[in-house]
Amino acid sequence: MMQLYWATTEDHSEDWFIVASNVREAARLHEHMEGYDEGEAAAELVLVIPENISVEKGWPEEELLETLGATFVERDSTRVVEIAGRKYCEGLLESTIRSLDDDVFESLGQGRVNETVRVRGSKQ
């Protein structure tokens, strides 16, 4: 049985959802995938994923979160997701990376593919 967890660390720079079969695995996957040492991440169960939904361990795609009932409250900078009346705020490092990537894409004439908003006063 696969489950959706909210994984966090003390610095909160990489907080995000993760799919795993249990809480310990969720925390270890988050540590491994984000470069933290063992014991630095915590995970809490958000919901059990219905068996008729095919998923893989690791970071869920936005489409999976929406299939599971998530609503994206904010996508412009830091993603904020609401599930079952609770809001979850993405770690700040990920949103910074998406914004910097968009700056590069935009400078190459490809637009802001991650749909981030350019910070006022930043170079194009």
PDB file of N, CA and C in Angstrom:
ATOM      1  N   MET A   1       0.845  -1.184   0.000  1.00  0.00           N
ATOM      2  CA  MET A   1       0.000   0.000   0.000  1.00  0.00           C
ATOM      3  C   MET A   1       0.887   1.244   0.000  1.00  0.00           C
ATOM      4  N   MET A   2       0.602   2.132  -0.924  1.00  0.00           N
ATOM      5  CA  MET A   2       1.384   3.364  -1.030  1.00  0.00           C
ATOM      6  C   MET A   2       0.631   4.497  -0.345  1.00  0.00           C
ATOM      7  N   GLN A   3       1.426   5.429   0.204  1.00  0.00           N
ATOM      8  CA  GLN A   3       0.846   6.533   0.947  1.00  0.00           C
ATOM      9  C   GLN A   3       1.547   7.839   0.576  1.00  0.00           C
ATOM     10  N   LEU A   4       0.826   8.931   0.763  1.00  0.00           N
ATOM     11  CA  LEU A   4       1.390  10.252   0.529  1.00  0.00           C
ATOM     12  C   LEU A   4       1.796  10.835   1.872  1.00  0.00           C
ATOM     13  N   TYR A   5       3.047  11.305   1.949  1.00  0.00           N
ATOM     14  CA  TYR A   5       3.588  11.884   3.172  1.00  0.00           C
ATOM     15  C   TYR A   5       4.025  13.315   2.911  1.00  0.00           C
ATOM     16  N   TRP A   6       4.083  14.089   3.983  1.00  0.00           N
ATOM     17  CA  TRP A   6       4.666  15.424   3.958  1.00  0.00           C
ATOM     18  C   TRP A   6       6.018  15.286   4.638  1.00  0.00           C
ATOM     19  N   ALA A   7       7.096  15.556   3.898  1.00  0.00           N
ATOM     20  CA  ALA A   7       8.453  15.394   4.420  1.00  0.00           C
ATOM     21  C   ALA A   7       9.057  16.759   4.717  1.00  0.00           C
ATOM     22  N   THR A   8       9.674  16.876   5.877  1.00  0.00           N
ATOM     23  CA  THR A   8      10.247  18.149   6.303  1.00  0.00           C
ATOM     24  C   THR A   8      11.629  17.928   6.924  1.00  0.00           C
ATOM     25  N   THR A   9      12.380  19.034   6.997  1.00  0.00           N
ATOM     26  CA  THR A   9      13.648  19.053   7.714  1.00  0.00           C
ATOM     27  C   THR A   9      13.665  20.317   8.567  1.00  0.00           C
ATOM     28  N   GLU A  10      14.610  20.392   9.460  1.00  0.00           N
ATOM     29  CA  GLU A  10      14.686  21.537  10.367  1.00  0.00           C
ATOM     30  C   GLU A  10      14.863  22.869   9.631  1.00  0.00           C
ATOM     31  N   ASP A  11      15.601  22.847   8.505  1.00  0.00           N
ATOM     32  CA  ASP A  11      15.820  24.099   7.773  1.00  0.00           C
ATOM     33  C   ASP A  11      14.664  24.456   6.832  1.00  0.00           C
ATOM     34  N   HIS A  12      13.768  23.521   6.578  1.00  0.00           N
ATOM     35  CA  HIS A  12      12.563  23.714   5.744  1.00  0.00           C
ATOM     36  C   HIS A  12      12.869  24.152   4.310  1.00  0.00           C
ATOM     37  N   SER A  13      14.113  23.986   3.833  1.00  0.00           N
ATOM     38  CA  SER A  13      14.391  24.430   2.474  1.00  0.00           C
ATOM     39  C   SER A  13      13.893  23.489   1.397  1.00  0.00           C
ATOM     40  N   GLU A  14      13.638  22.248   1.702  1.00  0.00           N
ATOM     41  CA  GLU A  14      13.224  21.283   0.685  1.00  0.00           C
ATOM     42  C   GLU A  14      11.912  20.570   1.040  1.00  0.00           C
ATOM     43  N   ASP A  15      11.130  21.110   1.944  1.00  0.00           N
ATOM     44  CA  ASP A  15       9.883  20.452   2.345  1.00  0.00           C
ATOM     45  C   ASP A  15       8.996  20.202   1.131  1.00  0.00           C
ATOM     46  N   TRP A  16       8.491  18.980   1.018  1.00  0.00           N
ATOM     47  CA  TRP A  16       7.584  18.642  -0.088  1.00  0.00           C
ATOM     48  C   TRP A  16       6.992  17.266   0.162  1.00  0.00           C
ATOM     49  N   PHE A  17       6.034  16.915  -0.664  1.00  0.00           N
ATOM     50  CA  PHE A  17       5.373  15.624  -0.559  1.00  0.00           C
ATOM     51  C   PHE A  17       6.280  14.519  -1.073  1.00  0.00           C
ATOM     52  N   ILE A  18       6.053  13.319  -0.543  1.00  0.00           N
ATOM     53  CA  ILE A  18       6.778  12.150  -1.021  1.00  0.00           C
ATOM     54  C   ILE A  18       5.864  10.935  -0.916  1.00  0.00           C
ATOM     55  N   VAL A  19       5.986  10.033  -1.871  1.00  0.00           N
ATOM     56  CA  VAL A  19       5.212   8.797  -1.891  1.00  0.00           C
ATOM     57  C   VAL A  19       6.104   7.684  -1.374  1.00  0.00           C
ATOM     58  N   ALA A  20       5.583   6.931  -0.408  1.00  0.00           N
ATOM     59  CA  ALA A  20       6.338   5.820   0.173  1.00  0.00           C
ATOM     60  C   ALA A  20       5.345   4.839   0.784  1.00  0.00           C
ATOM     61  N   SER A  21       5.870   3.709   1.228  1.00  0.00           N
ATOM     62  CA  SER A  21       4.986   2.701   1.818  1.00  0.00           C
ATOM     63  C   SER A  21       4.849   2.839   3.332  1.00  0.00           C
ATOM     64  N   ASN A  22       5.770   3.594   3.986  1.00  0.00           N
ATOM     65  CA  ASN A  22       5.648   3.831   5.425  1.00  0.00           C
ATOM     66  C   ASN A  22       6.406   5.108   5.798  1.00  0.00           C
ATOM     67  N   VAL A  23       6.201   5.569   7.006  1.00  0.00           N
ATOM     68  CA  VAL A  23       6.750   6.852   7.443  1.00  0.00           C
ATOM     69  C   VAL A  23       8.279   6.848   7.469  1.00  0.00           C
ATOM     70  N   ARG A  24       8.871   5.749   7.896  1.00  0.00           N
ATOM     71  CA  ARG A  24      10.334   5.669   7.942  1.00  0.00           C
ATOM     72  C   ARG A  24      10.923   5.740   6.530  1.00  0.00           C
ATOM     73  N   GLU A  25      10.318   4.998   5.607  1.00  0.00           N
ATOM     74  CA  GLU A  25      10.788   5.027   4.231  1.00  0.00           C
ATOM     75  C   GLU A  25      10.641   6.429   3.630  1.00  0.00           C
ATOM     76  N   ALA A  26       9.541   7.100   3.943  1.00  0.00           N
ATOM     77  CA  ALA A  26       9.314   8.456   3.428  1.00  0.00           C
ATOM     78  C   ALA A  26      10.426   9.397   3.890  1.00  0.00           C
ATOM     79  N   ALA A  27      10.764   9.345   5.177  1.00  0.00           N
ATOM     80  CA  ALA A  27      11.819  10.208   5.712  1.00  0.00           C
ATOM     81  C   ALA A  27      13.173   9.873   5.080  1.00  0.00           C
ATOM     82  N   ARG A  28      13.494   8.587   4.945  1.00  0.00           N
ATOM     83  CA  ARG A  28      14.772   8.182   4.357  1.00  0.00           C
ATOM     84  C   ARG A  28      14.852   8.576   2.881  1.00  0.00           C
ATOM     85  N   LEU A  29      13.753   8.400   2.136  1.00  0.00           N
ATOM     86  CA  LEU A  29      13.747   8.808   0.729  1.00  0.00           C
ATOM     87  C   LEU A  29      13.993  10.304   0.602  1.00  0.00           C
ATOM     88  N   HIS A  30      13.333  11.081   1.438  1.00  0.00           N
ATOM     89  CA  HIS A  30      13.511  12.533   1.398  1.00  0.00           C
ATOM     90  C   HIS A  30      14.968  12.901   1.682  1.00  0.00           C
ATOM     91  N   GLU A  31      15.542  12.274   2.688  1.00  0.00           N
ATOM     92  CA  GLU A  31      16.944  12.537   3.015  1.00  0.00           C
ATOM     93  C   GLU A  31      17.858  12.194   1.840  1.00  0.00           C
ATOM     94  N   HIS A  32      17.651  11.024   1.280  1.00  0.00           N
ATOM     95  CA  HIS A  32      18.499  10.564   0.180  1.00  0.00           C
ATOM     96  C   HIS A  32      18.339  11.449  -1.059  1.00  0.00           C
ATOM     97  N   MET A  33      17.100  11.759  -1.427  1.00  0.00           N
ATOM     98  CA  MET A  33      16.836  12.513  -2.652  1.00  0.00           C
ATOM     99  C   MET A  33      17.242  13.982  -2.536  1.00  0.00           C
ATOM    100  N   GLU A  34      17.264  14.516  -1.321  1.00  0.00           N
ATOM    101  CA  GLU A  34      17.589  15.931  -1.133  1.00  0.00           C
ATOM    102  C   GLU A  34      18.990  16.156  -0.566  1.00  0.00           C
ATOM    103  N   GLY A  35      19.723  15.075  -0.270  1.00  0.00           N
ATOM    104  CA  GLY A  35      21.097  15.222   0.181  1.00  0.00           C
ATOM    105  C   GLY A  35      21.267  15.472   1.672  1.00  0.00           C
ATOM    106  N   TYR A  36      20.294  15.081   2.470  1.00  0.00           N
ATOM    107  CA  TYR A  36      20.407  15.229   3.922  1.00  0.00           C
ATOM    108  C   TYR A  36      21.005  13.971   4.530  1.00  0.00           C
ATOM    109  N   ASP A  37      21.528  14.097   5.737  1.00  0.00           N
ATOM    110  CA  ASP A  37      22.036  12.951   6.474  1.00  0.00           C
ATOM    111  C   ASP A  37      20.888  12.182   7.112  1.00  0.00           C
ATOM    112  N   GLU A  38      21.125  10.907   7.371  1.00  0.00           N
ATOM    113  CA  GLU A  38      20.106  10.087   8.004  1.00  0.00           C
ATOM    114  C   GLU A  38      19.699  10.694   9.349  1.00  0.00           C
ATOM    115  N   GLY A  39      18.422  10.736   9.577  1.00  0.00           N
ATOM    116  CA  GLY A  39      17.880  11.278  10.815  1.00  0.00           C
ATOM    117  C   GLY A  39      17.527  12.753  10.741  1.00  0.00           C
ATOM    118  N   GLU A  40      17.822  13.419   9.608  1.00  0.00           N
ATOM    119  CA  GLU A  40      17.534  14.850   9.496  1.00  0.00           C
ATOM    120  C   GLU A  40      16.131  15.161   8.983  1.00  0.00           C
ATOM    121  N   ALA A  41      15.437  14.173   8.432  1.00  0.00           N
ATOM    122  CA  ALA A  41      14.092  14.421   7.897  1.00  0.00           C
ATOM    123  C   ALA A  41      13.035  13.734   8.748  1.00  0.00           C
ATOM    124  N   ALA A  42      11.873  14.321   8.733  1.00  0.00           N
ATOM    125  CA  ALA A  42      10.701  13.730   9.372  1.00  0.00           C
ATOM    126  C   ALA A  42       9.607  13.655   8.320  1.00  0.00           C
ATOM    127  N   ALA A  43       8.680  12.740   8.505  1.00  0.00           N
ATOM    128  CA  ALA A  43       7.565  12.610   7.568  1.00  0.00           C
ATOM    129  C   ALA A  43       6.301  12.350   8.358  1.00  0.00           C
ATOM    130  N   GLU A  44       5.202  12.853   7.815  1.00  0.00           N
ATOM    131  CA  GLU A  44       3.912  12.582   8.442  1.00  0.00           C
ATOM    132  C   GLU A  44       2.923  12.182   7.358  1.00  0.00           C
ATOM    133  N   LEU A  45       2.073  11.254   7.698  1.00  0.00           N
ATOM    134  CA  LEU A  45       1.090  10.730   6.756  1.00  0.00           C
ATOM    135  C   LEU A  45       0.074  11.803   6.395  1.00  0.00           C
ATOM    136  N   VAL A  46      -0.150  11.983   5.100  1.00  0.00           N
ATOM    137  CA  VAL A  46      -1.172  12.896   4.608  1.00  0.00           C
ATOM    138  C   VAL A  46      -2.410  12.091   4.238  1.00  0.00           C
ATOM    139  N   LEU A  47      -2.211  11.024   3.428  1.00  0.00           N
ATOM    140  CA  LEU A  47      -3.330  10.165   3.054  1.00  0.00           C
ATOM    141  C   LEU A  47      -2.849   8.867   2.452  1.00  0.00           C
ATOM    142  N   VAL A  48      -3.725   7.875   2.477  1.00  0.00           N
ATOM    143  CA  VAL A  48      -3.461   6.587   1.846  1.00  0.00           C
ATOM    144  C   VAL A  48      -3.888   6.717   0.384  1.00  0.00           C
ATOM    145  N   ILE A  49      -3.029   6.293  -0.519  1.00  0.00           N
ATOM    146  CA  ILE A  49      -3.328   6.378  -1.952  1.00  0.00           C
ATOM    147  C   ILE A  49      -4.160   5.166  -2.338  1.00  0.00           C
ATOM    148  N   PRO A  50      -5.326   5.384  -2.938  1.00  0.00           N
ATOM    149  CA  PRO A  50      -6.170   4.257  -3.336  1.00  0.00           C
ATOM    150  C   PRO A  50      -5.402   3.293  -4.255  1.00  0.00           C
ATOM    151  N   GLU A  51      -5.684   2.008  -4.109  1.00  0.00           N
ATOM    152  CA  GLU A  51      -4.957   0.981  -4.853  1.00  0.00           C
ATOM    153  C   GLU A  51      -5.161   1.073  -6.358  1.00  0.00           C
ATOM    154  N   ASN A  52      -6.241   1.700  -6.793  1.00  0.00           N
ATOM    155  CA  ASN A  52      -6.498   1.795  -8.232  1.00  0.00           C
ATOM    156  C   ASN A  52      -5.693   2.921  -8.901  1.00  0.00           C
ATOM    157  N   ILE A  53      -4.908   3.648  -8.119  1.00  0.00           N
ATOM    158  CA  ILE A  53      -4.059   4.716  -8.656  1.00  0.00           C
ATOM    159  C   ILE A  53      -2.620   4.222  -8.652  1.00  0.00           C
ATOM    160  N   SER A  54      -2.029   4.150  -9.847  1.00  0.00           N
ATOM    161  CA  SER A  54      -0.666   3.667  -9.998  1.00  0.00           C
ATOM    162  C   SER A  54       0.326   4.775  -9.640  1.00  0.00           C
ATOM    163  N   VAL A  55       1.231   4.481  -8.708  1.00  0.00           N
ATOM    164  CA  VAL A  55       2.223   5.465  -8.276  1.00  0.00           C
ATOM    165  C   VAL A  55       3.577   4.800  -8.093  1.00  0.00           C
ATOM    166  N   GLU A  56       4.605   5.627  -8.129  1.00  0.00           N
ATOM    167  CA  GLU A  56       5.953   5.164  -7.827  1.00  0.00           C
ATOM    168  C   GLU A  56       6.456   5.913  -6.608  1.00  0.00           C
ATOM    169  N   LYS A  57       7.380   5.303  -5.884  1.00  0.00           N
ATOM    170  CA  LYS A  57       7.977   5.946  -4.718  1.00  0.00           C
ATOM    171  C   LYS A  57       8.748   7.177  -5.156  1.00  0.00           C
ATOM    172  N   GLY A  58       8.722   8.201  -4.312  1.00  0.00           N
ATOM    173  CA  GLY A  58       9.455   9.425  -4.601  1.00  0.00           C
ATOM    174  C   GLY A  58       8.530  10.616  -4.681  1.00  0.00           C
ATOM    175  N   TRP A  59       8.993  11.661  -5.360  1.00  0.00           N
ATOM    176  CA  TRP A  59       8.215  12.891  -5.463  1.00  0.00           C
ATOM    177  C   TRP A  59       7.013  12.678  -6.360  1.00  0.00           C
ATOM    178  N   PRO A  60       5.844  13.097  -5.926  1.00  0.00           N
ATOM    179  CA  PRO A  60       4.666  12.976  -6.781  1.00  0.00           C
ATOM    180  C   PRO A  60       4.594  14.117  -7.794  1.00  0.00           C
ATOM    181  N   GLU A  61       4.061  13.818  -8.955  1.00  0.00           N
ATOM    182  CA  GLU A  61       3.789  14.854  -9.947  1.00  0.00           C
ATOM    183  C   GLU A  61       2.595  15.678  -9.469  1.00  0.00           C
ATOM    184  N   GLU A  62       2.491  16.910  -9.945  1.00  0.00           N
ATOM    185  CA  GLU A  62       1.357  17.755  -9.567  1.00  0.00           C
ATOM    186  C   GLU A  62       0.029  17.103  -9.953  1.00  0.00           C
ATOM    187  N   GLU A  63       0.012  16.410 -11.087  1.00  0.00           N
ATOM    188  CA  GLU A  63      -1.212  15.747 -11.542  1.00  0.00           C
ATOM    189  C   GLU A  63      -1.677  14.693 -10.539  1.00  0.00           C
ATOM    190  N   LEU A  64      -0.741  13.955  -9.936  1.00  0.00           N
ATOM    191  CA  LEU A  64      -1.105  12.958  -8.928  1.00  0.00           C
ATOM    192  C   LEU A  64      -1.714  13.652  -7.716  1.00  0.00           C
ATOM    193  N   LEU A  65      -1.086  14.726  -7.272  1.00  0.00           N
ATOM    194  CA  LEU A  65      -1.631  15.449  -6.115  1.00  0.00           C
ATOM    195  C   LEU A  65      -3.054  15.909  -6.394  1.00  0.00           C
ATOM    196  N   GLU A  66      -3.300  16.426  -7.593  1.00  0.00           N
ATOM    197  CA  GLU A  66      -4.650  16.872  -7.954  1.00  0.00           C
ATOM    198  C   GLU A  66      -5.619  15.698  -8.012  1.00  0.00           C
ATOM    199  N   THR A  67      -5.169  14.555  -8.519  1.00  0.00           N
ATOM    200  CA  THR A  67      -6.002  13.350  -8.546  1.00  0.00           C
ATOM    201  C   THR A  67      -6.383  12.927  -7.128  1.00  0.00           C
ATOM    202  N   LEU A  68      -5.482  13.158  -6.189  1.00  0.00           N
ATOM    203  CA  LEU A  68      -5.724  12.796  -4.788  1.00  0.00           C
ATOM    204  C   LEU A  68      -6.525  13.853  -4.034  1.00  0.00           C
ATOM    205  N   GLY A  69      -6.974  14.891  -4.743  1.00  0.00           N
ATOM    206  CA  GLY A  69      -7.825  15.896  -4.122  1.00  0.00           C
ATOM    207  C   GLY A  69      -7.136  17.179  -3.716  1.00  0.00           C
ATOM    208  N   ALA A  70      -5.878  17.331  -4.093  1.00  0.00           N
ATOM    209  CA  ALA A  70      -5.139  18.540  -3.732  1.00  0.00           C
ATOM    210  C   ALA A  70      -5.585  19.715  -4.593  1.00  0.00           C
ATOM    211  N   THR A  71      -5.556  20.882  -3.986  1.00  0.00           N
ATOM    212  CA  THR A  71      -5.799  22.133  -4.689  1.00  0.00           C
ATOM    213  C   THR A  71      -4.550  22.987  -4.550  1.00  0.00           C
ATOM    214  N   PHE A  72      -4.064  23.497  -5.680  1.00  0.00           N
ATOM    215  CA  PHE A  72      -2.901  24.382  -5.633  1.00  0.00           C
ATOM    216  C   PHE A  72      -3.410  25.791  -5.370  1.00  0.00           C
ATOM    217  N   VAL A  73      -3.136  26.268  -4.165  1.00  0.00           N
ATOM    218  CA  VAL A  73      -3.568  27.600  -3.738  1.00  0.00           C
ATOM    219  C   VAL A  73      -2.655  28.655  -4.338  1.00  0.00           C
ATOM    220  N   GLU A  74      -1.380  28.324  -4.467  1.00  0.00           N
ATOM    221  CA  GLU A  74      -0.364  29.255  -4.991  1.00  0.00           C
ATOM    222  C   GLU A  74       0.625  28.458  -5.812  1.00  0.00           C
ATOM    223  N   ARG A  75       0.963  28.985  -7.000  1.00  0.00           N
ATOM    224  CA  ARG A  75       1.966  28.339  -7.844  1.00  0.00           C
ATOM    225  C   ARG A  75       3.015  29.324  -8.333  1.00  0.00           C
ATOM    226  N   ASP A  76       2.813  30.618  -8.113  1.00  0.00           N
ATOM    227  CA  ASP A  76       3.698  31.629  -8.679  1.00  0.00           C
ATOM    228  C   ASP A  76       5.098  31.599  -8.095  1.00  0.00           C
ATOM    229  N   SER A  77       5.225  31.500  -6.812  1.00  0.00           N
ATOM    230  CA  SER A  77       6.551  31.454  -6.195  1.00  0.00           C
ATOM    231  C   SER A  77       6.651  30.121  -5.472  1.00  0.00           C
ATOM    232  N   THR A  78       6.480  30.119  -4.198  1.00  0.00           N
ATOM    233  CA  THR A  78       6.457  28.877  -3.438  1.00  0.00           C
ATOM    234  C   THR A  78       5.090  28.239  -3.611  1.00  0.00           C
ATOM    235  N   ARG A  79       5.077  26.962  -3.978  1.00  0.00           N
ATOM    236  CA  ARG A  79       3.788  26.280  -4.145  1.00  0.00           C
ATOM    237  C   ARG A  79       3.155  26.041  -2.777  1.00  0.00           C
ATOM    238  N   VAL A  80       1.868  26.349  -2.704  1.00  0.00           N
ATOM    239  CA  VAL A  80       1.070  26.080  -1.512  1.00  0.00           C
ATOM    240  C   VAL A  80      -0.058  25.160  -1.952  1.00  0.00           C
ATOM    241  N   VAL A  81      -0.182  24.036  -1.277  1.00  0.00           N
ATOM    242  CA  VAL A  81      -1.138  23.015  -1.652  1.00  0.00           C
ATOM    243  C   VAL A  81      -2.081  22.763  -0.478  1.00  0.00           C
ATOM    244  N   GLU A  82      -3.361  22.659  -0.775  1.00  0.00           N
ATOM    245  CA  GLU A  82      -4.337  22.337   0.253  1.00  0.00           C
ATOM    246  C   GLU A  82      -4.891  20.940   0.004  1.00  0.00           C
ATOM    247  N   ILE A  83      -4.846  20.116   1.039  1.00  0.00           N
ATOM    248  CA  ILE A  83      -5.407  18.769   0.986  1.00  0.00           C
ATOM    249  C   ILE A  83      -6.202  18.563   2.265  1.00  0.00           C
ATOM    250  N   ALA A  84      -7.476  18.196   2.088  1.00  0.00           N
ATOM    251  CA  ALA A  84      -8.358  17.905   3.227  1.00  0.00           C
ATOM    252  C   ALA A  84      -8.359  19.032   4.257  1.00  0.00           C
ATOM    253  N   GLY A  85      -8.392  20.277   3.784  1.00  0.00           N
ATOM    254  CA  GLY A  85      -8.497  21.418   4.675  1.00  0.00           C
ATOM    255  C   GLY A  85      -7.190  21.896   5.291  1.00  0.00           C
ATOM    256  N   ARG A  86      -6.087  21.244   4.991  1.00  0.00           N
ATOM    257  CA  ARG A  86      -4.790  21.657   5.528  1.00  0.00           C
ATOM    258  C   ARG A  86      -3.908  22.178   4.397  1.00  0.00           C
ATOM    259  N   LYS A  87      -3.181  23.257   4.662  1.00  0.00           N
ATOM    260  CA  LYS A  87      -2.279  23.833   3.667  1.00  0.00           C
ATOM    261  C   LYS A  87      -0.841  23.425   3.952  1.00  0.00           C
ATOM    262  N   TYR A  88      -0.134  23.097   2.868  1.00  0.00           N
ATOM    263  CA  TYR A  88       1.270  22.702   2.930  1.00  0.00           C
ATOM    264  C   TYR A  88       2.058  23.673   2.060  1.00  0.00           C
ATOM    265  N   CYS A  89       3.160  24.180   2.586  1.00  0.00           N
ATOM    266  CA  CYS A  89       3.973  25.168   1.865  1.00  0.00           C
ATOM    267  C   CYS A  89       5.322  24.552   1.500  1.00  0.00           C
ATOM    268  N   GLU A  90       5.618  24.579   0.217  1.00  0.00           N
ATOM    269  CA  GLU A  90       6.860  24.028  -0.314  1.00  0.00           C
ATOM    270  C   GLU A  90       8.083  24.726   0.277  1.00  0.00           C
ATOM    271  N   GLY A  91       9.162  23.986   0.420  1.00  0.00           N
ATOM    272  CA  GLY A  91      10.417  24.572   0.873  1.00  0.00           C
ATOM    273  C   GLY A  91      10.891  25.645  -0.096  1.00  0.00           C
ATOM    274  N   LEU A  92      11.523  26.667   0.409  1.00  0.00           N
ATOM    275  CA  LEU A  92      11.888  27.837  -0.388  1.00  0.00           C
ATOM    276  C   LEU A  92      12.966  27.573  -1.427  1.00  0.00           C
ATOM    277  N   LEU A  93      13.830  26.616  -1.222  1.00  0.00           N
ATOM    278  CA  LEU A  93      14.911  26.377  -2.173  1.00  0.00           C
ATOM    279  C   LEU A  93      14.359  25.956  -3.531  1.00  0.00           C
ATOM    280  N   GLU A  94      13.377  25.095  -3.559  1.00  0.00           N
ATOM    281  CA  GLU A  94      12.818  24.617  -4.829  1.00  0.00           C
ATOM    282  C   GLU A  94      12.210  25.755  -5.638  1.00  0.00           C
ATOM    283  N   SER A  95      11.473  26.633  -4.997  1.00  0.00           N
ATOM    284  CA  SER A  95      10.867  27.741  -5.735  1.00  0.00           C
ATOM    285  C   SER A  95      11.936  28.693  -6.282  1.00  0.00           C
ATOM    286  N   THR A  96      13.008  28.875  -5.542  1.00  0.00           N
ATOM    287  CA  THR A  96      14.106  29.724  -6.006  1.00  0.00           C
ATOM    288  C   THR A  96      14.763  29.122  -7.249  1.00  0.00           C
ATOM    289  N   ILE A  97      14.961  27.825  -7.245  1.00  0.00           N
ATOM    290  CA  ILE A  97      15.556  27.148  -8.396  1.00  0.00           C
ATOM    291  C   ILE A  97      14.661  27.279  -9.622  1.00  0.00           C
ATOM    292  N   ARG A  98      13.344  27.067  -9.471  1.00  0.00           N
ATOM    293  CA  ARG A  98      12.418  27.191 -10.609  1.00  0.00           C
ATOM    294  C   ARG A  98      12.446  28.613 -11.178  1.00  0.00           C
ATOM    295  N   SER A  99      12.507  29.609 -10.307  1.00  0.00           N
ATOM    296  CA  SER A  99      12.541  30.988 -10.757  1.00  0.00           C
ATOM    297  C   SER A  99      13.837  31.294 -11.508  1.00  0.00           C
ATOM    298  N   LEU A 100      14.974  30.825 -11.005  1.00  0.00           N
ATOM    299  CA  LEU A 100      16.253  31.036 -11.679  1.00  0.00           C
ATOM    300  C   LEU A 100      16.275  30.320 -13.031  1.00  0.00           C
ATOM    301  N   ASP A 101      15.710  29.107 -13.085  1.00  0.00           N
ATOM    302  CA  ASP A 101      15.603  28.396 -14.361  1.00  0.00           C
ATOM    303  C   ASP A 101      14.786  29.208 -15.352  1.00  0.00           C
ATOM    304  N   ASP A 102      13.686  29.788 -14.903  1.00  0.00           N
ATOM    305  CA  ASP A 102      12.855  30.602 -15.789  1.00  0.00           C
ATOM    306  C   ASP A 102      13.599  31.824 -16.295  1.00  0.00           C
ATOM    307  N   ASP A 103      14.444  32.416 -15.465  1.00  0.00           N
ATOM    308  CA  ASP A 103      15.249  33.549 -15.914  1.00  0.00           C
ATOM    309  C   ASP A 103      16.121  33.134 -17.101  1.00  0.00           C
ATOM    310  N   VAL A 104      16.720  31.951 -17.022  1.00  0.00           N
ATOM    311  CA  VAL A 104      17.571  31.451 -18.099  1.00  0.00           C
ATOM    312  C   VAL A 104      16.737  31.160 -19.343  1.00  0.00           C
ATOM    313  N   PHE A 105      15.619  30.431 -19.168  1.00  0.00           N
ATOM    314  CA  PHE A 105      14.746  30.120 -20.311  1.00  0.00           C
ATOM    315  C   PHE A 105      14.292  31.406 -21.005  1.00  0.00           C
ATOM    316  N   GLU A 106      13.932  32.396 -20.197  1.00  0.00           N
ATOM    317  CA  GLU A 106      13.454  33.656 -20.757  1.00  0.00           C
ATOM    318  C   GLU A 106      14.564  34.355 -21.543  1.00  0.00           C
ATOM    319  N   SER A 107      15.775  34.324 -21.024  1.00  0.00           N
ATOM    320  CA  SER A 107      16.898  34.969 -21.728  1.00  0.00           C
ATOM    321  C   SER A 107      17.203  34.267 -23.044  1.00  0.00           C
ATOM    322  N   LEU A 108      16.815  33.005 -23.166  1.00  0.00           N
ATOM    323  CA  LEU A 108      17.013  32.235 -24.400  1.00  0.00           C
ATOM    324  C   LEU A 108      15.821  32.349 -25.340  1.00  0.00           C
ATOM    325  N   GLY A 109      14.842  33.177 -24.950  1.00  0.00           N
ATOM    326  CA  GLY A 109      13.672  33.372 -25.793  1.00  0.00           C
ATOM    327  C   GLY A 109      12.628  32.276 -25.683  1.00  0.00           C
ATOM    328  N   GLN A 110      12.687  31.469 -24.639  1.00  0.00           N
ATOM    329  CA  GLN A 110      11.756  30.355 -24.480  1.00  0.00           C
ATOM    330  C   GLN A 110      10.638  30.651 -23.486  1.00  0.00           C
ATOM    331  N   GLY A 111      10.567  31.869 -22.998  1.00  0.00           N
ATOM    332  CA  GLY A 111       9.526  32.219 -22.029  1.00  0.00           C
ATOM    333  C   GLY A 111       9.825  31.663 -20.654  1.00  0.00           C
ATOM    334  N   ARG A 112       8.856  31.788 -19.768  1.00  0.00           N
ATOM    335  CA  ARG A 112       9.004  31.308 -18.389  1.00  0.00           C
ATOM    336  C   ARG A 112       8.283  29.971 -18.286  1.00  0.00           C
ATOM    337  N   VAL A 113       8.962  28.899 -18.674  1.00  0.00           N
ATOM    338  CA  VAL A 113       8.341  27.582 -18.801  1.00  0.00           C
ATOM    339  C   VAL A 113       7.796  27.038 -17.479  1.00  0.00           C
ATOM    340  N   ASN A 114       8.361  27.478 -16.353  1.00  0.00           N
ATOM    341  CA  ASN A 114       7.863  27.046 -15.041  1.00  0.00           C
ATOM    342  C   ASN A 114       6.764  27.960 -14.515  1.00  0.00           C
ATOM    343  N   GLU A 115       6.438  28.968 -15.324  1.00  0.00           N
ATOM    344  CA  GLU A 115       5.370  29.921 -15.021  1.00  0.00           C
ATOM    345  C   GLU A 115       5.601  30.705 -13.738  1.00  0.00           C
ATOM    346  N   THR A 116       6.891  30.940 -13.395  1.00  0.00           N
ATOM    347  CA  THR A 116       7.181  31.782 -12.237  1.00  0.00           C
ATOM    348  C   THR A 116       7.073  33.243 -12.662  1.00  0.00           C
ATOM    349  N   VAL A 117       6.912  34.103 -11.690  1.00  0.00           N
ATOM    350  CA  VAL A 117       6.810  35.530 -11.956  1.00  0.00           C
ATOM    351  C   VAL A 117       8.182  36.154 -11.751  1.00  0.00           C
ATOM    352  N   ARG A 118       8.647  36.926 -12.750  1.00  0.00           N
ATOM    353  CA  ARG A 118       9.932  37.590 -12.634  1.00  0.00           C
ATOM    354  C   ARG A 118       9.869  38.613 -11.515  1.00  0.00           C
ATOM    355  N   VAL A 119      10.887  38.639 -10.695  1.00  0.00           N
ATOM    356  CA  VAL A 119      10.963  39.599  -9.598  1.00  0.00           C
ATOM    357  C   VAL A 119      11.170  40.973 -10.197  1.00  0.00           C
ATOM    358  N   ARG A 120      10.377  41.923  -9.748  1.00  0.00           N
ATOM    359  CA  ARG A 120      10.474  43.286 -10.239  1.00  0.00           C
ATOM    360  C   ARG A 120      11.898  43.799 -10.101  1.00  0.00           C
ATOM    361  N   GLY A 121      12.407  44.379 -11.170  1.00  0.00           N
ATOM    362  CA  GLY A 121      13.761  44.935 -11.139  1.00  0.00           C
ATOM    363  C   GLY A 121      14.837  43.938 -11.550  1.00  0.00           C
ATOM    364  N   SER A 122      14.473  42.638 -11.689  1.00  0.00           N
ATOM    365  CA  SER A 122      15.499  41.693 -12.114  1.00  0.00           C
ATOM    366  C   SER A 122      15.728  41.807 -13.601  1.00  0.00           C
ATOM    367  N   LYS A 123      16.928  41.477 -14.028  1.00  0.00           N
ATOM    368  CA  LYS A 123      17.279  41.586 -15.445  1.00  0.00           C
ATOM    369  C   LYS A 123      16.576  40.501 -16.231  1.00  0.00           C
ATOM    370  N   GLN A 124      16.237  40.832 -17.472  1.00  0.00           N
ATOM    371  CA  GLN A 124      15.555  39.888 -18.346  1.00  0.00           C
ATOM    372  C   GLN A 124      16.525  39.089 -19.146  1.00  0.00           C
TER     373      GLN A 124
END
